[in-house]
N, C-alpha and C. Protein backbone atom coordinates (compact mmCIF):
# COMPACT_ATOMS: atom_id res chain seq x y z
N MET A 1 -13.44 -4.81 -73.25
CA MET A 1 -13.03 -4.91 -74.64
C MET A 1 -11.59 -5.44 -74.67
N TYR A 2 -11.27 -6.05 -75.81
CA TYR A 2 -10.00 -6.77 -75.93
C TYR A 2 -9.57 -6.71 -77.39
N THR A 3 -8.27 -6.72 -77.63
CA THR A 3 -7.73 -6.75 -78.98
C THR A 3 -6.55 -7.70 -79.04
N LEU A 4 -6.37 -8.31 -80.20
CA LEU A 4 -5.17 -9.12 -80.43
C LEU A 4 -4.76 -9.00 -81.88
N THR A 5 -3.48 -9.25 -82.12
CA THR A 5 -2.96 -9.25 -83.48
C THR A 5 -2.07 -10.47 -83.65
N TYR A 6 -2.15 -11.06 -84.84
CA TYR A 6 -1.38 -12.26 -85.13
C TYR A 6 -0.91 -12.21 -86.58
N GLU A 7 0.04 -13.09 -86.88
CA GLU A 7 0.48 -13.28 -88.25
C GLU A 7 0.47 -14.77 -88.55
N SER A 8 0.38 -15.09 -89.84
CA SER A 8 0.38 -16.49 -90.26
C SER A 8 0.86 -16.56 -91.70
N THR A 9 1.06 -17.79 -92.16
CA THR A 9 1.53 -18.05 -93.52
C THR A 9 0.43 -18.73 -94.32
N ALA A 10 0.14 -18.20 -95.49
CA ALA A 10 -0.90 -18.79 -96.35
C ALA A 10 -0.48 -20.17 -96.83
N VAL A 11 -1.46 -21.06 -96.95
CA VAL A 11 -1.25 -22.35 -97.57
C VAL A 11 -1.58 -22.17 -99.04
N GLY A 12 -0.62 -22.37 -99.90
CA GLY A 12 -0.84 -22.13 -101.32
C GLY A 12 -0.90 -20.64 -101.62
N LYS A 13 -1.51 -20.33 -102.74
CA LYS A 13 -1.61 -18.95 -103.19
C LYS A 13 -3.10 -18.63 -103.37
N PRO A 14 -3.72 -17.96 -102.39
CA PRO A 14 -5.16 -17.69 -102.51
C PRO A 14 -5.47 -16.81 -103.71
N SER A 15 -6.56 -17.12 -104.38
CA SER A 15 -7.00 -16.32 -105.52
C SER A 15 -7.78 -15.11 -105.03
N VAL A 16 -8.04 -14.19 -105.94
CA VAL A 16 -8.87 -13.03 -105.62
C VAL A 16 -10.23 -13.51 -105.13
N GLU A 17 -10.79 -14.52 -105.79
CA GLU A 17 -12.09 -15.05 -105.39
C GLU A 17 -12.03 -15.66 -103.99
N ASP A 18 -10.94 -16.37 -103.69
CA ASP A 18 -10.77 -16.94 -102.35
C ASP A 18 -10.79 -15.84 -101.29
N MET A 19 -10.06 -14.75 -101.56
CA MET A 19 -9.98 -13.66 -100.60
C MET A 19 -11.32 -12.94 -100.47
N GLU A 20 -12.01 -12.75 -101.58
CA GLU A 20 -13.32 -12.10 -101.52
C GLU A 20 -14.30 -12.93 -100.70
N HIS A 21 -14.28 -14.25 -100.89
CA HIS A 21 -15.14 -15.14 -100.12
C HIS A 21 -14.78 -15.07 -98.64
N LEU A 22 -13.50 -15.11 -98.33
CA LEU A 22 -13.05 -15.00 -96.94
C LEU A 22 -13.54 -13.71 -96.30
N MET A 23 -13.42 -12.60 -97.02
CA MET A 23 -13.81 -11.31 -96.47
C MET A 23 -15.33 -11.21 -96.29
N GLU A 24 -16.09 -11.72 -97.24
CA GLU A 24 -17.55 -11.70 -97.11
C GLU A 24 -18.00 -12.47 -95.87
N LYS A 25 -17.43 -13.66 -95.69
CA LYS A 25 -17.79 -14.48 -94.54
C LYS A 25 -17.34 -13.82 -93.24
N ALA A 26 -16.13 -13.26 -93.23
CA ALA A 26 -15.62 -12.60 -92.02
C ALA A 26 -16.49 -11.41 -91.64
N ARG A 27 -16.86 -10.61 -92.63
CA ARG A 27 -17.70 -9.44 -92.34
C ARG A 27 -19.04 -9.85 -91.73
N ALA A 28 -19.66 -10.87 -92.31
CA ALA A 28 -20.96 -11.32 -91.80
C ALA A 28 -20.83 -11.86 -90.37
N ASN A 29 -19.85 -12.72 -90.14
CA ASN A 29 -19.67 -13.29 -88.80
C ASN A 29 -19.28 -12.22 -87.79
N ASN A 30 -18.38 -11.33 -88.18
CA ASN A 30 -17.91 -10.30 -87.25
C ASN A 30 -19.03 -9.33 -86.88
N ALA A 31 -19.92 -9.05 -87.82
CA ALA A 31 -21.03 -8.14 -87.53
C ALA A 31 -21.94 -8.71 -86.44
N VAL A 32 -22.15 -10.01 -86.47
CA VAL A 32 -23.00 -10.66 -85.47
C VAL A 32 -22.41 -10.49 -84.07
N TYR A 33 -21.10 -10.56 -83.96
CA TYR A 33 -20.44 -10.51 -82.65
C TYR A 33 -19.82 -9.15 -82.32
N GLY A 34 -20.02 -8.17 -83.18
CA GLY A 34 -19.49 -6.84 -82.91
C GLY A 34 -17.97 -6.79 -82.95
N ILE A 35 -17.37 -7.58 -83.83
CA ILE A 35 -15.91 -7.62 -83.95
C ILE A 35 -15.48 -6.72 -85.10
N THR A 36 -14.47 -5.91 -84.85
CA THR A 36 -13.90 -5.05 -85.88
C THR A 36 -12.41 -5.34 -85.98
N GLY A 37 -11.78 -4.80 -87.03
CA GLY A 37 -10.35 -5.01 -87.19
C GLY A 37 -9.90 -4.78 -88.60
N CYS A 38 -8.76 -5.36 -88.92
CA CYS A 38 -8.17 -5.21 -90.25
C CYS A 38 -7.35 -6.46 -90.55
N LEU A 39 -7.47 -6.96 -91.77
CA LEU A 39 -6.73 -8.13 -92.24
C LEU A 39 -5.90 -7.72 -93.44
N VAL A 40 -4.61 -8.05 -93.41
CA VAL A 40 -3.73 -7.77 -94.54
C VAL A 40 -3.12 -9.08 -95.01
N TYR A 41 -3.18 -9.32 -96.33
CA TYR A 41 -2.47 -10.44 -96.94
C TYR A 41 -1.46 -9.84 -97.90
N TYR A 42 -0.22 -10.27 -97.78
CA TYR A 42 0.83 -9.75 -98.66
C TYR A 42 1.93 -10.78 -98.76
N ASN A 43 2.31 -11.12 -99.98
CA ASN A 43 3.48 -11.96 -100.23
C ASN A 43 3.43 -13.27 -99.43
N GLY A 44 2.26 -13.89 -99.38
CA GLY A 44 2.12 -15.18 -98.71
C GLY A 44 1.90 -15.12 -97.21
N GLY A 45 1.78 -13.91 -96.67
CA GLY A 45 1.58 -13.78 -95.23
C GLY A 45 0.33 -13.02 -94.88
N PHE A 46 -0.30 -13.41 -93.79
CA PHE A 46 -1.45 -12.70 -93.25
C PHE A 46 -1.03 -12.00 -91.96
N ILE A 47 -1.55 -10.81 -91.76
CA ILE A 47 -1.48 -10.13 -90.47
C ILE A 47 -2.87 -9.60 -90.20
N GLN A 48 -3.39 -9.87 -89.02
CA GLN A 48 -4.73 -9.40 -88.68
C GLN A 48 -4.75 -8.86 -87.26
N ILE A 49 -5.56 -7.83 -87.08
CA ILE A 49 -5.88 -7.33 -85.75
C ILE A 49 -7.39 -7.40 -85.61
N ILE A 50 -7.86 -7.89 -84.47
CA ILE A 50 -9.30 -7.97 -84.21
C ILE A 50 -9.56 -7.39 -82.83
N GLU A 51 -10.75 -6.80 -82.67
CA GLU A 51 -11.11 -6.19 -81.40
C GLU A 51 -12.60 -6.39 -81.14
N GLY A 52 -12.93 -6.53 -79.87
CA GLY A 52 -14.31 -6.75 -79.46
C GLY A 52 -14.34 -7.25 -78.03
N GLU A 53 -15.43 -7.90 -77.66
CA GLU A 53 -15.52 -8.47 -76.32
C GLU A 53 -14.52 -9.63 -76.20
N LYS A 54 -13.86 -9.71 -75.06
CA LYS A 54 -12.76 -10.66 -74.90
C LYS A 54 -13.16 -12.10 -75.22
N ASP A 55 -14.28 -12.57 -74.69
CA ASP A 55 -14.69 -13.95 -74.95
C ASP A 55 -14.91 -14.18 -76.45
N ASP A 56 -15.52 -13.22 -77.13
CA ASP A 56 -15.76 -13.35 -78.57
C ASP A 56 -14.45 -13.38 -79.35
N ILE A 57 -13.51 -12.53 -78.96
CA ILE A 57 -12.22 -12.48 -79.66
C ILE A 57 -11.45 -13.78 -79.44
N LEU A 58 -11.42 -14.27 -78.22
CA LEU A 58 -10.69 -15.51 -77.95
C LEU A 58 -11.33 -16.71 -78.65
N THR A 59 -12.66 -16.74 -78.72
CA THR A 59 -13.35 -17.80 -79.45
C THR A 59 -13.01 -17.73 -80.94
N LEU A 60 -13.06 -16.52 -81.50
CA LEU A 60 -12.72 -16.34 -82.91
C LEU A 60 -11.28 -16.75 -83.17
N PHE A 61 -10.37 -16.36 -82.30
CA PHE A 61 -8.96 -16.69 -82.52
C PHE A 61 -8.74 -18.20 -82.50
N GLU A 62 -9.46 -18.92 -81.66
CA GLU A 62 -9.35 -20.39 -81.66
C GLU A 62 -9.79 -20.95 -83.01
N ARG A 63 -10.87 -20.39 -83.59
CA ARG A 63 -11.32 -20.83 -84.93
C ARG A 63 -10.28 -20.46 -85.98
N ILE A 64 -9.72 -19.27 -85.88
CA ILE A 64 -8.71 -18.82 -86.83
C ILE A 64 -7.52 -19.77 -86.83
N LYS A 65 -7.08 -20.18 -85.65
CA LYS A 65 -5.92 -21.07 -85.56
C LYS A 65 -6.17 -22.42 -86.23
N LEU A 66 -7.42 -22.83 -86.30
CA LEU A 66 -7.76 -24.12 -86.91
C LEU A 66 -8.04 -24.03 -88.41
N ASP A 67 -8.08 -22.83 -88.96
CA ASP A 67 -8.41 -22.63 -90.37
C ASP A 67 -7.30 -23.23 -91.25
N PRO A 68 -7.65 -24.16 -92.15
CA PRO A 68 -6.63 -24.82 -92.97
C PRO A 68 -6.03 -23.94 -94.08
N ARG A 69 -6.53 -22.73 -94.25
CA ARG A 69 -6.00 -21.86 -95.30
C ARG A 69 -4.68 -21.20 -94.92
N HIS A 70 -4.27 -21.40 -93.66
CA HIS A 70 -2.98 -20.84 -93.25
C HIS A 70 -2.34 -21.71 -92.17
N THR A 71 -1.04 -21.51 -91.96
CA THR A 71 -0.28 -22.24 -90.95
C THR A 71 0.55 -21.24 -90.14
N ASP A 72 1.28 -21.77 -89.17
CA ASP A 72 2.21 -20.95 -88.38
C ASP A 72 1.54 -19.71 -87.80
N VAL A 73 0.37 -19.90 -87.21
CA VAL A 73 -0.35 -18.78 -86.60
C VAL A 73 0.40 -18.37 -85.33
N HIS A 74 0.81 -17.11 -85.30
CA HIS A 74 1.60 -16.60 -84.18
C HIS A 74 0.96 -15.34 -83.62
N LEU A 75 0.46 -15.43 -82.40
CA LEU A 75 -0.07 -14.27 -81.69
C LEU A 75 1.13 -13.44 -81.23
N PHE A 76 1.19 -12.17 -81.64
CA PHE A 76 2.33 -11.38 -81.19
C PHE A 76 1.96 -10.22 -80.29
N SER A 77 0.69 -9.97 -80.04
CA SER A 77 0.32 -8.98 -79.04
C SER A 77 -1.17 -9.06 -78.74
N ASP A 78 -1.52 -8.76 -77.49
CA ASP A 78 -2.92 -8.64 -77.10
C ASP A 78 -3.01 -7.67 -75.93
N ASN A 79 -4.15 -7.02 -75.82
CA ASN A 79 -4.38 -6.02 -74.78
C ASN A 79 -5.85 -5.95 -74.42
N ASN A 80 -6.13 -5.64 -73.16
CA ASN A 80 -7.45 -5.16 -72.80
C ASN A 80 -7.51 -3.70 -73.24
N ILE A 81 -8.65 -3.29 -73.78
CA ILE A 81 -8.78 -1.92 -74.30
C ILE A 81 -10.07 -1.29 -73.78
N THR A 82 -10.11 0.03 -73.83
CA THR A 82 -11.32 0.75 -73.41
C THR A 82 -12.11 1.26 -74.60
N GLU A 83 -11.45 1.35 -75.76
CA GLU A 83 -12.14 1.80 -76.97
C GLU A 83 -11.55 1.12 -78.20
N ARG A 84 -12.34 1.07 -79.24
CA ARG A 84 -11.91 0.46 -80.50
C ARG A 84 -11.03 1.43 -81.29
N THR A 85 -10.08 0.86 -81.99
CA THR A 85 -9.27 1.63 -82.93
C THR A 85 -9.85 1.50 -84.34
N PHE A 86 -10.44 0.35 -84.66
CA PHE A 86 -10.92 0.06 -86.01
C PHE A 86 -12.44 0.09 -86.10
N ASN A 87 -13.08 0.87 -85.25
CA ASN A 87 -14.53 0.99 -85.27
C ASN A 87 -15.00 1.50 -86.63
N GLY A 88 -15.92 0.79 -87.24
CA GLY A 88 -16.45 1.21 -88.53
C GLY A 88 -15.63 0.78 -89.73
N TRP A 89 -14.52 0.11 -89.51
CA TRP A 89 -13.70 -0.33 -90.64
C TRP A 89 -14.38 -1.45 -91.42
N GLY A 90 -15.05 -2.36 -90.74
CA GLY A 90 -15.74 -3.45 -91.43
C GLY A 90 -14.82 -4.35 -92.23
N MET A 91 -13.59 -4.51 -91.83
CA MET A 91 -12.60 -5.34 -92.52
C MET A 91 -12.42 -4.92 -93.98
N PRO A 92 -11.90 -3.73 -94.23
CA PRO A 92 -11.66 -3.30 -95.60
C PRO A 92 -10.56 -4.13 -96.24
N TYR A 93 -10.54 -4.15 -97.57
CA TYR A 93 -9.43 -4.83 -98.23
C TYR A 93 -9.23 -4.27 -99.63
N PHE A 94 -8.04 -4.50 -100.14
CA PHE A 94 -7.62 -4.11 -101.48
C PHE A 94 -7.12 -5.38 -102.14
N VAL A 95 -7.56 -5.65 -103.35
CA VAL A 95 -7.16 -6.87 -104.04
C VAL A 95 -6.22 -6.51 -105.17
N SER A 96 -5.15 -7.26 -105.25
CA SER A 96 -4.17 -7.04 -106.30
C SER A 96 -3.60 -8.38 -106.73
N ASN A 97 -3.31 -8.52 -108.01
CA ASN A 97 -2.52 -9.66 -108.45
C ASN A 97 -1.75 -9.28 -109.70
N GLU A 98 -0.78 -10.11 -110.04
CA GLU A 98 0.14 -9.77 -111.13
C GLU A 98 -0.55 -9.64 -112.48
N ASN A 99 -1.74 -10.20 -112.64
CA ASN A 99 -2.43 -10.13 -113.92
C ASN A 99 -3.25 -8.86 -114.11
N THR A 100 -3.63 -8.22 -113.01
CA THR A 100 -4.54 -7.08 -113.13
C THR A 100 -4.02 -5.79 -112.52
N THR A 101 -2.91 -5.83 -111.82
CA THR A 101 -2.45 -4.65 -111.11
C THR A 101 -1.02 -4.31 -111.50
N SER A 102 -0.80 -3.05 -111.80
CA SER A 102 0.53 -2.61 -112.19
C SER A 102 1.42 -2.44 -110.96
N ARG A 103 2.71 -2.41 -111.19
CA ARG A 103 3.67 -2.15 -110.11
C ARG A 103 3.39 -0.79 -109.48
N PHE A 104 3.01 0.19 -110.30
CA PHE A 104 2.70 1.52 -109.78
C PHE A 104 1.54 1.44 -108.79
N GLU A 105 0.49 0.69 -109.14
CA GLU A 105 -0.67 0.56 -108.25
C GLU A 105 -0.29 -0.11 -106.93
N ILE A 106 0.57 -1.11 -107.00
CA ILE A 106 1.01 -1.78 -105.77
C ILE A 106 1.84 -0.82 -104.93
N GLU A 107 2.74 -0.07 -105.56
CA GLU A 107 3.54 0.90 -104.81
C GLU A 107 2.66 1.99 -104.20
N GLN A 108 1.66 2.43 -104.94
CA GLN A 108 0.74 3.43 -104.42
C GLN A 108 -0.03 2.88 -103.22
N PHE A 109 -0.47 1.64 -103.34
CA PHE A 109 -1.15 1.00 -102.22
C PHE A 109 -0.24 0.94 -100.99
N LYS A 110 0.99 0.51 -101.19
CA LYS A 110 1.94 0.42 -100.08
C LYS A 110 2.16 1.79 -99.45
N ASN A 111 2.28 2.81 -100.27
CA ASN A 111 2.44 4.17 -99.74
C ASN A 111 1.21 4.60 -98.95
N ASN A 112 0.03 4.28 -99.46
CA ASN A 112 -1.21 4.63 -98.75
C ASN A 112 -1.31 3.93 -97.40
N ILE A 113 -0.95 2.65 -97.36
CA ILE A 113 -0.99 1.91 -96.10
C ILE A 113 0.04 2.48 -95.12
N SER A 114 1.21 2.83 -95.63
CA SER A 114 2.23 3.43 -94.77
C SER A 114 1.74 4.75 -94.19
N LEU A 115 1.11 5.56 -95.03
CA LEU A 115 0.56 6.83 -94.56
C LEU A 115 -0.56 6.60 -93.55
N LEU A 116 -1.44 5.65 -93.84
CA LEU A 116 -2.50 5.31 -92.90
C LEU A 116 -1.92 4.88 -91.56
N SER A 117 -0.88 4.09 -91.62
CA SER A 117 -0.21 3.66 -90.40
C SER A 117 0.34 4.85 -89.62
N ASP A 118 0.96 5.78 -90.32
CA ASP A 118 1.52 6.96 -89.67
C ASP A 118 0.44 7.82 -89.03
N LEU A 119 -0.71 7.92 -89.69
CA LEU A 119 -1.78 8.79 -89.21
C LEU A 119 -2.69 8.14 -88.17
N SER A 120 -2.68 6.80 -88.11
CA SER A 120 -3.58 6.09 -87.19
C SER A 120 -3.15 6.32 -85.75
N GLU A 121 -4.17 6.49 -84.93
CA GLU A 121 -3.91 6.66 -83.50
C GLU A 121 -3.46 5.33 -82.91
N LYS A 122 -2.36 5.36 -82.21
CA LYS A 122 -1.81 4.15 -81.58
C LYS A 122 -2.28 4.13 -80.12
N THR A 123 -3.48 3.60 -79.91
CA THR A 123 -4.11 3.67 -78.59
C THR A 123 -3.62 2.60 -77.63
N ASN A 124 -2.92 1.60 -78.14
CA ASN A 124 -2.39 0.54 -77.28
C ASN A 124 -1.23 -0.15 -77.98
N THR A 125 -0.52 -0.97 -77.24
CA THR A 125 0.66 -1.66 -77.77
C THR A 125 0.31 -2.57 -78.94
N THR A 126 -0.82 -3.22 -78.87
CA THR A 126 -1.21 -4.15 -79.94
C THR A 126 -1.38 -3.42 -81.26
N VAL A 127 -2.02 -2.27 -81.25
CA VAL A 127 -2.20 -1.48 -82.48
C VAL A 127 -0.84 -1.01 -83.00
N LEU A 128 0.01 -0.54 -82.12
CA LEU A 128 1.34 -0.09 -82.51
C LEU A 128 2.12 -1.22 -83.18
N LEU A 129 2.11 -2.40 -82.58
CA LEU A 129 2.84 -3.53 -83.15
C LEU A 129 2.21 -4.02 -84.46
N PHE A 130 0.89 -3.97 -84.56
CA PHE A 130 0.22 -4.33 -85.81
C PHE A 130 0.75 -3.47 -86.96
N TRP A 131 0.73 -2.15 -86.78
CA TRP A 131 1.17 -1.27 -87.86
C TRP A 131 2.66 -1.41 -88.14
N ARG A 132 3.47 -1.63 -87.13
CA ARG A 132 4.90 -1.84 -87.37
C ARG A 132 5.12 -3.10 -88.19
N ARG A 133 4.40 -4.16 -87.85
CA ARG A 133 4.56 -5.42 -88.58
C ARG A 133 4.06 -5.29 -90.01
N ILE A 134 3.00 -4.53 -90.22
CA ILE A 134 2.50 -4.28 -91.58
C ILE A 134 3.59 -3.60 -92.40
N LYS A 135 4.21 -2.59 -91.84
CA LYS A 135 5.27 -1.88 -92.57
C LYS A 135 6.42 -2.82 -92.92
N LEU A 136 6.80 -3.68 -92.00
CA LEU A 136 7.86 -4.65 -92.30
C LEU A 136 7.44 -5.59 -93.43
N LEU A 137 6.22 -6.07 -93.37
CA LEU A 137 5.72 -6.98 -94.40
C LEU A 137 5.69 -6.29 -95.76
N LEU A 138 5.25 -5.05 -95.80
CA LEU A 138 5.14 -4.34 -97.07
C LEU A 138 6.48 -3.98 -97.68
N ASN A 139 7.53 -4.03 -96.90
CA ASN A 139 8.86 -3.75 -97.44
C ASN A 139 9.45 -4.92 -98.20
N ASN A 140 8.77 -6.07 -98.17
CA ASN A 140 9.21 -7.23 -98.94
C ASN A 140 8.60 -7.18 -100.33
N PRO A 141 9.38 -7.50 -101.36
CA PRO A 141 8.79 -7.51 -102.71
C PRO A 141 7.72 -8.59 -102.81
N ALA A 142 6.67 -8.28 -103.57
CA ALA A 142 5.58 -9.25 -103.67
C ALA A 142 4.79 -9.06 -104.94
N GLU A 143 3.95 -10.05 -105.19
CA GLU A 143 3.07 -10.01 -106.34
C GLU A 143 1.64 -9.69 -105.94
N GLU A 144 1.28 -9.91 -104.69
CA GLU A 144 -0.12 -9.76 -104.30
C GLU A 144 -0.27 -9.01 -102.99
N VAL A 145 -1.35 -8.27 -102.89
CA VAL A 145 -1.67 -7.55 -101.66
C VAL A 145 -3.18 -7.62 -101.47
N TYR A 146 -3.61 -7.94 -100.27
CA TYR A 146 -5.03 -7.85 -99.92
C TYR A 146 -5.11 -7.17 -98.56
N ILE A 147 -6.01 -6.24 -98.40
CA ILE A 147 -6.27 -5.66 -97.09
C ILE A 147 -7.75 -5.44 -96.93
């Protein structure tokens, strides 16, 4: 088993529908290959962690790097692992935008993610760095959040 985490910059400003389509497709493809993880979009940036069989993860990451919906794809950690951290997550996400979500809801979401980060088991360096980077990203003011 293998895990990696990366960050990238969105091209343009994805809509709620764009993100929902992305998540539906990711869930379907990931289920076929037994890939789990978590994707966060916030303030124009993506951070994702994926885990599964090494060949499948590396193949997926090559496709991710070619995706025109984002640029500046930067791998910042990877590890061989013995167990999944995100088993059963199925790529959850939260959708927010300035037209439908209050500042209170966004702050509550950020607090929930911070708490989740604090409570999550850090089984390897990649997971630890993923959650640290998420916290840094969430400390920036923004209009949109997707996870």
